[in-house]
Amino acid sequence: MARLVENPDLAFRLARAIVSDVALYNPEKVEEGIKNDSIFTLMTDELDEGRQHFLSRVSPDLADREHLYERAIVDVMIKQAGKIESSIW
């Protein structure tokens, strides 16, 4: 079994990579979710699957590991979608 990630910086990088893959494989859903301000509802299954993968690779002793994944969603999917026309910005 692979060692669990214990370093918060490495865990955040892993979270960003996972969320990047989710976005890469679902560009239409990302665009629709941003346009309609429904990204979290529209991509619940994909984001939950990514979260489970992340949690399986990161030590449960790492403080705020759930927060790291949530931050990655905002950094990767929300901030980078600023070019998509939306009523929320």
PDB file of N, CA and C in Angstrom:
ATOM      1  N   MET A   1       0.833  -1.188   0.000  1.00  0.00           N
ATOM      2  CA  MET A   1       0.000   0.000   0.000  1.00  0.00           C
ATOM      3  C   MET A   1       0.878   1.253   0.000  1.00  0.00           C
ATOM      4  N   ALA A   2       0.492   2.224  -0.773  1.00  0.00           N
ATOM      5  CA  ALA A   2       1.251   3.471  -0.861  1.00  0.00           C
ATOM      6  C   ALA A   2       1.117   4.260   0.435  1.00  0.00           C
ATOM      7  N   ARG A   3       2.154   5.015   0.739  1.00  0.00           N
ATOM      8  CA  ARG A   3       2.114   5.863   1.930  1.00  0.00           C
ATOM      9  C   ARG A   3       1.111   6.987   1.735  1.00  0.00           C
ATOM     10  N   LEU A   4       0.471   7.356   2.814  1.00  0.00           N
ATOM     11  CA  LEU A   4      -0.485   8.461   2.767  1.00  0.00           C
ATOM     12  C   LEU A   4       0.259   9.784   2.825  1.00  0.00           C
ATOM     13  N   VAL A   5      -0.266  10.763   2.136  1.00  0.00           N
ATOM     14  CA  VAL A   5       0.314  12.102   2.129  1.00  0.00           C
ATOM     15  C   VAL A   5       0.064  12.745   3.488  1.00  0.00           C
ATOM     16  N   GLU A   6       1.125  13.268   4.085  1.00  0.00           N
ATOM     17  CA  GLU A   6       1.020  13.916   5.397  1.00  0.00           C
ATOM     18  C   GLU A   6       1.374  15.394   5.352  1.00  0.00           C
ATOM     19  N   ASN A   7       1.997  15.816   4.266  1.00  0.00           N
ATOM     20  CA  ASN A   7       2.406  17.210   4.105  1.00  0.00           C
ATOM     21  C   ASN A   7       1.247  18.013   3.518  1.00  0.00           C
ATOM     22  N   PRO A   8       0.835  19.108   4.183  1.00  0.00           N
ATOM     23  CA  PRO A   8      -0.308  19.877   3.676  1.00  0.00           C
ATOM     24  C   PRO A   8      -0.089  20.468   2.285  1.00  0.00           C
ATOM     25  N   ASP A   9       1.130  20.885   1.977  1.00  0.00           N
ATOM     26  CA  ASP A   9       1.399  21.440   0.646  1.00  0.00           C
ATOM     27  C   ASP A   9       1.248  20.367  -0.433  1.00  0.00           C
ATOM     28  N   LEU A  10       1.758  19.178  -0.157  1.00  0.00           N
ATOM     29  CA  LEU A  10       1.620  18.085  -1.118  1.00  0.00           C
ATOM     30  C   LEU A  10       0.165  17.641  -1.233  1.00  0.00           C
ATOM     31  N   ALA A  11      -0.544  17.651  -0.125  1.00  0.00           N
ATOM     32  CA  ALA A  11      -1.964  17.281  -0.146  1.00  0.00           C
ATOM     33  C   ALA A  11      -2.756  18.276  -0.990  1.00  0.00           C
ATOM     34  N   PHE A  12      -2.433  19.556  -0.870  1.00  0.00           N
ATOM     35  CA  PHE A  12      -3.134  20.566  -1.666  1.00  0.00           C
ATOM     36  C   PHE A  12      -2.818  20.398  -3.149  1.00  0.00           C
ATOM     37  N   ARG A  13      -1.579  20.083  -3.468  1.00  0.00           N
ATOM     38  CA  ARG A  13      -1.216  19.831  -4.864  1.00  0.00           C
ATOM     39  C   ARG A  13      -1.969  18.621  -5.413  1.00  0.00           C
ATOM     40  N   LEU A  14      -2.097  17.587  -4.594  1.00  0.00           N
ATOM     41  CA  LEU A  14      -2.867  16.410  -5.003  1.00  0.00           C
ATOM     42  C   LEU A  14      -4.328  16.789  -5.241  1.00  0.00           C
ATOM     43  N   ALA A  15      -4.895  17.557  -4.341  1.00  0.00           N
ATOM     44  CA  ALA A  15      -6.291  17.987  -4.488  1.00  0.00           C
ATOM     45  C   ALA A  15      -6.473  18.778  -5.774  1.00  0.00           C
ATOM     46  N   ARG A  16      -5.554  19.686  -6.065  1.00  0.00           N
ATOM     47  CA  ARG A  16      -5.640  20.477  -7.299  1.00  0.00           C
ATOM     48  C   ARG A  16      -5.538  19.587  -8.533  1.00  0.00           C
ATOM     49  N   ALA A  17      -4.681  18.577  -8.482  1.00  0.00           N
ATOM     50  CA  ALA A  17      -4.534  17.665  -9.623  1.00  0.00           C
ATOM     51  C   ALA A  17      -5.828  16.870  -9.840  1.00  0.00           C
ATOM     52  N   ILE A  18      -6.416  16.407  -8.764  1.00  0.00           N
ATOM     53  CA  ILE A  18      -7.659  15.641  -8.874  1.00  0.00           C
ATOM     54  C   ILE A  18      -8.777  16.513  -9.437  1.00  0.00           C
ATOM     55  N   VAL A  19      -8.920  17.721  -8.910  1.00  0.00           N
ATOM     56  CA  VAL A  19      -9.972  18.625  -9.385  1.00  0.00           C
ATOM     57  C   VAL A  19      -9.701  19.035 -10.840  1.00  0.00           C
ATOM     58  N   SER A  20      -8.443  19.202 -11.194  1.00  0.00           N
ATOM     59  CA  SER A  20      -8.105  19.514 -12.591  1.00  0.00           C
ATOM     60  C   SER A  20      -8.555  18.403 -13.516  1.00  0.00           C
ATOM     61  N   ASP A  21      -8.354  17.161 -13.101  1.00  0.00           N
ATOM     62  CA  ASP A  21      -8.807  16.032 -13.909  1.00  0.00           C
ATOM     63  C   ASP A  21     -10.328  16.018 -14.036  1.00  0.00           C
ATOM     64  N   VAL A  22     -11.015  16.279 -12.939  1.00  0.00           N
ATOM     65  CA  VAL A  22     -12.479  16.330 -12.975  1.00  0.00           C
ATOM     66  C   VAL A  22     -12.927  17.384 -13.986  1.00  0.00           C
ATOM     67  N   ALA A  23     -12.317  18.556 -13.941  1.00  0.00           N
ATOM     68  CA  ALA A  23     -12.677  19.640 -14.867  1.00  0.00           C
ATOM     69  C   ALA A  23     -12.307  19.287 -16.300  1.00  0.00           C
ATOM     70  N   LEU A  24     -11.159  18.673 -16.482  1.00  0.00           N
ATOM     71  CA  LEU A  24     -10.679  18.314 -17.815  1.00  0.00           C
ATOM     72  C   LEU A  24     -11.619  17.333 -18.510  1.00  0.00           C
ATOM     73  N   TYR A  25     -12.146  16.389 -17.768  1.00  0.00           N
ATOM     74  CA  TYR A  25     -13.013  15.370 -18.349  1.00  0.00           C
ATOM     75  C   TYR A  25     -14.481  15.780 -18.415  1.00  0.00           C
ATOM     76  N   ASN A  26     -14.812  16.952 -17.888  1.00  0.00           N
ATOM     77  CA  ASN A  26     -16.201  17.415 -17.878  1.00  0.00           C
ATOM     78  C   ASN A  26     -16.318  18.893 -18.253  1.00  0.00           C
ATOM     79  N   PRO A  27     -15.706  19.319 -19.356  1.00  0.00           N
ATOM     80  CA  PRO A  27     -15.699  20.752 -19.669  1.00  0.00           C
ATOM     81  C   PRO A  27     -17.092  21.335 -19.900  1.00  0.00           C
ATOM     82  N   GLU A  28     -17.982  20.554 -20.499  1.00  0.00           N
ATOM     83  CA  GLU A  28     -19.330  21.067 -20.749  1.00  0.00           C
ATOM     84  C   GLU A  28     -20.077  21.310 -19.435  1.00  0.00           C
ATOM     85  N   LYS A  29     -19.933  20.374 -18.488  1.00  0.00           N
ATOM     86  CA  LYS A  29     -20.590  20.534 -17.195  1.00  0.00           C
ATOM     87  C   LYS A  29     -20.022  21.731 -16.435  1.00  0.00           C
ATOM     88  N   VAL A  30     -18.709  21.922 -16.511  1.00  0.00           N
ATOM     89  CA  VAL A  30     -18.095  23.063 -15.835  1.00  0.00           C
ATOM     90  C   VAL A  30     -18.655  24.352 -16.412  1.00  0.00           C
ATOM     91  N   GLU A  31     -18.681  24.461 -17.729  1.00  0.00           N
ATOM     92  CA  GLU A  31     -19.182  25.679 -18.369  1.00  0.00           C
ATOM     93  C   GLU A  31     -20.652  25.914 -18.026  1.00  0.00           C
ATOM     94  N   GLU A  32     -21.466  24.876 -18.130  1.00  0.00           N
ATOM     95  CA  GLU A  32     -22.887  25.018 -17.803  1.00  0.00           C
ATOM     96  C   GLU A  32     -23.081  25.379 -16.331  1.00  0.00           C
ATOM     97  N   GLY A  33     -22.315  24.740 -15.462  1.00  0.00           N
ATOM     98  CA  GLY A  33     -22.434  25.006 -14.029  1.00  0.00           C
ATOM     99  C   GLY A  33     -22.044  26.426 -13.659  1.00  0.00           C
ATOM    100  N   ILE A  34     -21.019  26.953 -14.325  1.00  0.00           N
ATOM    101  CA  ILE A  34     -20.614  28.339 -14.075  1.00  0.00           C
ATOM    102  C   ILE A  34     -21.670  29.297 -14.630  1.00  0.00           C
ATOM    103  N   LYS A  35     -22.102  29.055 -15.857  1.00  0.00           N
ATOM    104  CA  LYS A  35     -23.089  29.932 -16.481  1.00  0.00           C
ATOM    105  C   LYS A  35     -24.369  30.020 -15.657  1.00  0.00           C
ATOM    106  N   ASN A  36     -24.800  28.895 -15.104  1.00  0.00           N
ATOM    107  CA  ASN A  36     -26.076  28.843 -14.397  1.00  0.00           C
ATOM    108  C   ASN A  36     -25.937  28.864 -12.876  1.00  0.00           C
ATOM    109  N   ASP A  37     -24.726  29.106 -12.392  1.00  0.00           N
ATOM    110  CA  ASP A  37     -24.455  29.128 -10.948  1.00  0.00           C
ATOM    111  C   ASP A  37     -24.959  27.855 -10.271  1.00  0.00           C
ATOM    112  N   SER A  38     -24.642  26.715 -10.899  1.00  0.00           N
ATOM    113  CA  SER A  38     -25.093  25.424 -10.364  1.00  0.00           C
ATOM    114  C   SER A  38     -23.983  24.377 -10.388  1.00  0.00           C
ATOM    115  N   ILE A  39     -22.745  24.825 -10.374  1.00  0.00           N
ATOM    116  CA  ILE A  39     -21.619  23.909 -10.539  1.00  0.00           C
ATOM    117  C   ILE A  39     -21.590  22.815  -9.482  1.00  0.00           C
ATOM    118  N   PHE A  40     -21.889  23.164  -8.238  1.00  0.00           N
ATOM    119  CA  PHE A  40     -21.811  22.167  -7.168  1.00  0.00           C
ATOM    120  C   PHE A  40     -22.947  21.153  -7.271  1.00  0.00           C
ATOM    121  N   THR A  41     -24.099  21.582  -7.699  1.00  0.00           N
ATOM    122  CA  THR A  41     -25.228  20.671  -7.884  1.00  0.00           C
ATOM    123  C   THR A  41     -25.003  19.799  -9.116  1.00  0.00           C
ATOM    124  N   LEU A  42     -24.597  20.429 -10.188  1.00  0.00           N
ATOM    125  CA  LEU A  42     -24.421  19.735 -11.460  1.00  0.00           C
ATOM    126  C   LEU A  42     -23.302  18.693 -11.403  1.00  0.00           C
ATOM    127  N   MET A  43     -22.264  18.972 -10.631  1.00  0.00           N
ATOM    128  CA  MET A  43     -21.094  18.096 -10.605  1.00  0.00           C
ATOM    129  C   MET A  43     -20.933  17.356  -9.274  1.00  0.00           C
ATOM    130  N   THR A  44     -22.010  17.169  -8.559  1.00  0.00           N
ATOM    131  CA  THR A  44     -21.947  16.504  -7.258  1.00  0.00           C
ATOM    132  C   THR A  44     -21.251  15.150  -7.343  1.00  0.00           C
ATOM    133  N   ASP A  45     -21.658  14.314  -8.269  1.00  0.00           N
ATOM    134  CA  ASP A  45     -21.093  12.963  -8.362  1.00  0.00           C
ATOM    135  C   ASP A  45     -19.598  12.997  -8.670  1.00  0.00           C
ATOM    136  N   GLU A  46     -19.200  13.818  -9.626  1.00  0.00           N
ATOM    137  CA  GLU A  46     -17.804  13.892 -10.027  1.00  0.00           C
ATOM    138  C   GLU A  46     -16.936  14.446  -8.889  1.00  0.00           C
ATOM    139  N   LEU A  47     -17.421  15.503  -8.252  1.00  0.00           N
ATOM    140  CA  LEU A  47     -16.659  16.100  -7.158  1.00  0.00           C
ATOM    141  C   LEU A  47     -16.588  15.175  -5.946  1.00  0.00           C
ATOM    142  N   ASP A  48     -17.645  14.446  -5.674  1.00  0.00           N
ATOM    143  CA  ASP A  48     -17.630  13.483  -4.567  1.00  0.00           C
ATOM    144  C   ASP A  48     -16.668  12.327  -4.850  1.00  0.00           C
ATOM    145  N   GLU A  49     -16.653  11.868  -6.085  1.00  0.00           N
ATOM    146  CA  GLU A  49     -15.706  10.802  -6.448  1.00  0.00           C
ATOM    147  C   GLU A  49     -14.262  11.292  -6.283  1.00  0.00           C
ATOM    148  N   GLY A  50     -13.994  12.506  -6.727  1.00  0.00           N
ATOM    149  CA  GLY A  50     -12.666  13.089  -6.549  1.00  0.00           C
ATOM    150  C   GLY A  50     -12.319  13.249  -5.078  1.00  0.00           C
ATOM    151  N   ARG A  51     -13.280  13.672  -4.284  1.00  0.00           N
ATOM    152  CA  ARG A  51     -13.065  13.843  -2.842  1.00  0.00           C
ATOM    153  C   ARG A  51     -12.705  12.505  -2.192  1.00  0.00           C
ATOM    154  N   GLN A  52     -13.422  11.454  -2.551  1.00  0.00           N
ATOM    155  CA  GLN A  52     -13.133  10.135  -1.978  1.00  0.00           C
ATOM    156  C   GLN A  52     -11.734   9.663  -2.358  1.00  0.00           C
ATOM    157  N   HIS A  53     -11.345   9.914  -3.596  1.00  0.00           N
ATOM    158  CA  HIS A  53      -9.989   9.562  -4.028  1.00  0.00           C
ATOM    159  C   HIS A  53      -8.956  10.345  -3.214  1.00  0.00           C
ATOM    160  N   PHE A  54      -9.196  11.642  -3.065  1.00  0.00           N
ATOM    161  CA  PHE A  54      -8.293  12.497  -2.291  1.00  0.00           C
ATOM    162  C   PHE A  54      -8.174  11.991  -0.853  1.00  0.00           C
ATOM    163  N   LEU A  55      -9.299  11.726  -0.218  1.00  0.00           N
ATOM    164  CA  LEU A  55      -9.289  11.283   1.176  1.00  0.00           C
ATOM    165  C   LEU A  55      -8.605   9.922   1.331  1.00  0.00           C
ATOM    166  N   SER A  56      -8.671   9.097   0.313  1.00  0.00           N
ATOM    167  CA  SER A  56      -8.011   7.786   0.378  1.00  0.00           C
ATOM    168  C   SER A  56      -6.497   7.895   0.287  1.00  0.00           C
ATOM    169  N   ARG A  57      -6.007   9.025  -0.214  1.00  0.00           N
ATOM    170  CA  ARG A  57      -4.566   9.215  -0.410  1.00  0.00           C
ATOM    171  C   ARG A  57      -3.912  10.101   0.635  1.00  0.00           C
ATOM    172  N   VAL A  58      -4.737  10.766   1.462  1.00  0.00           N
ATOM    173  CA  VAL A  58      -4.218  11.730   2.440  1.00  0.00           C
ATOM    174  C   VAL A  58      -4.462  11.208   3.848  1.00  0.00           C
ATOM    175  N   SER A  59      -3.480  11.385   4.689  1.00  0.00           N
ATOM    176  CA  SER A  59      -3.572  10.922   6.073  1.00  0.00           C
ATOM    177  C   SER A  59      -4.763  11.558   6.785  1.00  0.00           C
ATOM    178  N   PRO A  60      -5.547  10.755   7.504  1.00  0.00           N
ATOM    179  CA  PRO A  60      -6.668  11.309   8.266  1.00  0.00           C
ATOM    180  C   PRO A  60      -6.204  12.222   9.408  1.00  0.00           C
ATOM    181  N   ASP A  61      -4.924  12.134   9.748  1.00  0.00           N
ATOM    182  CA  ASP A  61      -4.373  12.984  10.809  1.00  0.00           C
ATOM    183  C   ASP A  61      -4.054  14.398  10.327  1.00  0.00           C
ATOM    184  N   LEU A  62      -4.092  14.626   9.025  1.00  0.00           N
ATOM    185  CA  LEU A  62      -3.781  15.943   8.479  1.00  0.00           C
ATOM    186  C   LEU A  62      -4.934  16.899   8.771  1.00  0.00           C
ATOM    187  N   ALA A  63      -4.629  17.943   9.499  1.00  0.00           N
ATOM    188  CA  ALA A  63      -5.657  18.931   9.859  1.00  0.00           C
ATOM    189  C   ALA A  63      -6.222  19.583   8.601  1.00  0.00           C
ATOM    190  N   ASP A  64      -7.519  19.802   8.590  1.00  0.00           N
ATOM    191  CA  ASP A  64      -8.201  20.515   7.506  1.00  0.00           C
ATOM    192  C   ASP A  64      -8.073  19.855   6.138  1.00  0.00           C
ATOM    193  N   ARG A  65      -7.961  18.551   6.097  1.00  0.00           N
ATOM    194  CA  ARG A  65      -7.798  17.918   4.781  1.00  0.00           C
ATOM    195  C   ARG A  65      -9.035  18.116   3.909  1.00  0.00           C
ATOM    196  N   GLU A  66     -10.227  18.140   4.495  1.00  0.00           N
ATOM    197  CA  GLU A  66     -11.454  18.419   3.718  1.00  0.00           C
ATOM    198  C   GLU A  66     -11.403  19.836   3.143  1.00  0.00           C
ATOM    199  N   HIS A  67     -10.909  20.762   3.940  1.00  0.00           N
ATOM    200  CA  HIS A  67     -10.809  22.159   3.501  1.00  0.00           C
ATOM    201  C   HIS A  67      -9.854  22.287   2.308  1.00  0.00           C
ATOM    202  N   LEU A  68      -8.799  21.503   2.294  1.00  0.00           N
ATOM    203  CA  LEU A  68      -7.842  21.554   1.182  1.00  0.00           C
ATOM    204  C   LEU A  68      -8.529  21.177  -0.131  1.00  0.00           C
ATOM    205  N   TYR A  69      -9.380  20.177  -0.097  1.00  0.00           N
ATOM    206  CA  TYR A  69     -10.078  19.769  -1.315  1.00  0.00           C
ATOM    207  C   TYR A  69     -11.058  20.852  -1.761  1.00  0.00           C
ATOM    208  N   GLU A  70     -11.769  21.436  -0.810  1.00  0.00           N
ATOM    209  CA  GLU A  70     -12.720  22.509  -1.139  1.00  0.00           C
ATOM    210  C   GLU A  70     -11.984  23.714  -1.738  1.00  0.00           C
ATOM    211  N   ARG A  71     -10.835  24.063  -1.171  1.00  0.00           N
ATOM    212  CA  ARG A  71     -10.024  25.167  -1.721  1.00  0.00           C
ATOM    213  C   ARG A  71      -9.592  24.864  -3.147  1.00  0.00           C
ATOM    214  N   ALA A  72      -9.234  23.617  -3.400  1.00  0.00           N
ATOM    215  CA  ALA A  72      -8.805  23.228  -4.742  1.00  0.00           C
ATOM    216  C   ALA A  72      -9.943  23.395  -5.752  1.00  0.00           C
ATOM    217  N   ILE A  73     -11.162  23.077  -5.338  1.00  0.00           N
ATOM    218  CA  ILE A  73     -12.316  23.262  -6.236  1.00  0.00           C
ATOM    219  C   ILE A  73     -12.437  24.730  -6.620  1.00  0.00           C
ATOM    220  N   VAL A  74     -12.334  25.602  -5.649  1.00  0.00           N
ATOM    221  CA  VAL A  74     -12.445  27.038  -5.922  1.00  0.00           C
ATOM    222  C   VAL A  74     -11.285  27.502  -6.798  1.00  0.00           C
ATOM    223  N   ASP A  75     -10.065  27.106  -6.452  1.00  0.00           N
ATOM    224  CA  ASP A  75      -8.891  27.539  -7.214  1.00  0.00           C
ATOM    225  C   ASP A  75      -8.915  27.039  -8.652  1.00  0.00           C
ATOM    226  N   VAL A  76      -9.275  25.798  -8.835  1.00  0.00           N
ATOM    227  CA  VAL A  76      -9.165  25.192 -10.161  1.00  0.00           C
ATOM    228  C   VAL A  76     -10.407  25.432 -11.010  1.00  0.00           C
ATOM    229  N   MET A  77     -11.576  25.208 -10.458  1.00  0.00           N
ATOM    230  CA  MET A  77     -12.790  25.273 -11.271  1.00  0.00           C
ATOM    231  C   MET A  77     -13.428  26.654 -11.290  1.00  0.00           C
ATOM    232  N   ILE A  78     -13.471  27.301 -10.174  1.00  0.00           N
ATOM    233  CA  ILE A  78     -14.198  28.570 -10.087  1.00  0.00           C
ATOM    234  C   ILE A  78     -13.340  29.734 -10.573  1.00  0.00           C
ATOM    235  N   LYS A  79     -12.174  29.915  -9.997  1.00  0.00           N
ATOM    236  CA  LYS A  79     -11.320  31.043 -10.378  1.00  0.00           C
ATOM    237  C   LYS A  79     -10.916  30.993 -11.846  1.00  0.00           C
ATOM    238  N   GLN A  80     -10.590  29.811 -12.332  1.00  0.00           N
ATOM    239  CA  GLN A  80     -10.135  29.696 -13.714  1.00  0.00           C
ATOM    240  C   GLN A  80     -11.281  29.809 -14.716  1.00  0.00           C
ATOM    241  N   ALA A  81     -12.500  29.784 -14.231  1.00  0.00           N
ATOM    242  CA  ALA A  81     -13.656  29.897 -15.120  1.00  0.00           C
ATOM    243  C   ALA A  81     -14.102  31.344 -15.274  1.00  0.00           C
ATOM    244  N   GLY A  82     -13.299  32.286 -14.846  1.00  0.00           N
ATOM    245  CA  GLY A  82     -13.645  33.704 -14.926  1.00  0.00           C
ATOM    246  C   GLY A  82     -13.930  34.179 -16.331  1.00  0.00           C
ATOM    247  N   LYS A  83     -13.456  33.476 -17.322  1.00  0.00           N
ATOM    248  CA  LYS A  83     -13.690  33.860 -18.720  1.00  0.00           C
ATOM    249  C   LYS A  83     -15.052  33.405 -19.232  1.00  0.00           C
ATOM    250  N   ILE A  84     -15.725  32.562 -18.468  1.00  0.00           N
ATOM    251  CA  ILE A  84     -17.053  32.076 -18.859  1.00  0.00           C
ATOM    252  C   ILE A  84     -18.094  33.102 -18.429  1.00  0.00           C
ATOM    253  N   GLU A  85     -18.943  33.513 -19.355  1.00  0.00           N
ATOM    254  CA  GLU A  85     -19.993  34.486 -19.058  1.00  0.00           C
ATOM    255  C   GLU A  85     -20.941  33.914 -18.014  1.00  0.00           C
ATOM    256  N   SER A  86     -21.187  34.686 -16.958  1.00  0.00           N
ATOM    257  CA  SER A  86     -22.035  34.210 -15.876  1.00  0.00           C
ATOM    258  C   SER A  86     -22.721  35.385 -15.196  1.00  0.00           C
ATOM    259  N   SER A  87     -23.896  35.137 -14.669  1.00  0.00           N
ATOM    260  CA  SER A  87     -24.600  36.192 -13.951  1.00  0.00           C
ATOM    261  C   SER A  87     -24.010  36.453 -12.566  1.00  0.00           C
ATOM    262  N   ILE A  88     -23.130  35.543 -12.097  1.00  0.00           N
ATOM    263  CA  ILE A  88     -22.552  35.733 -10.766  1.00  0.00           C
ATOM    264  C   ILE A  88     -21.309  36.600 -10.782  1.00  0.00           C
ATOM    265  N   TRP A  89     -20.790  36.959 -11.971  1.00  0.00           N
ATOM    266  CA  TRP A  89     -19.696  37.920 -12.058  1.00  0.00           C
ATOM    267  C   TRP A  89     -19.710  38.682 -13.343  1.00  0.00           C
TER     268      TRP A  89
END
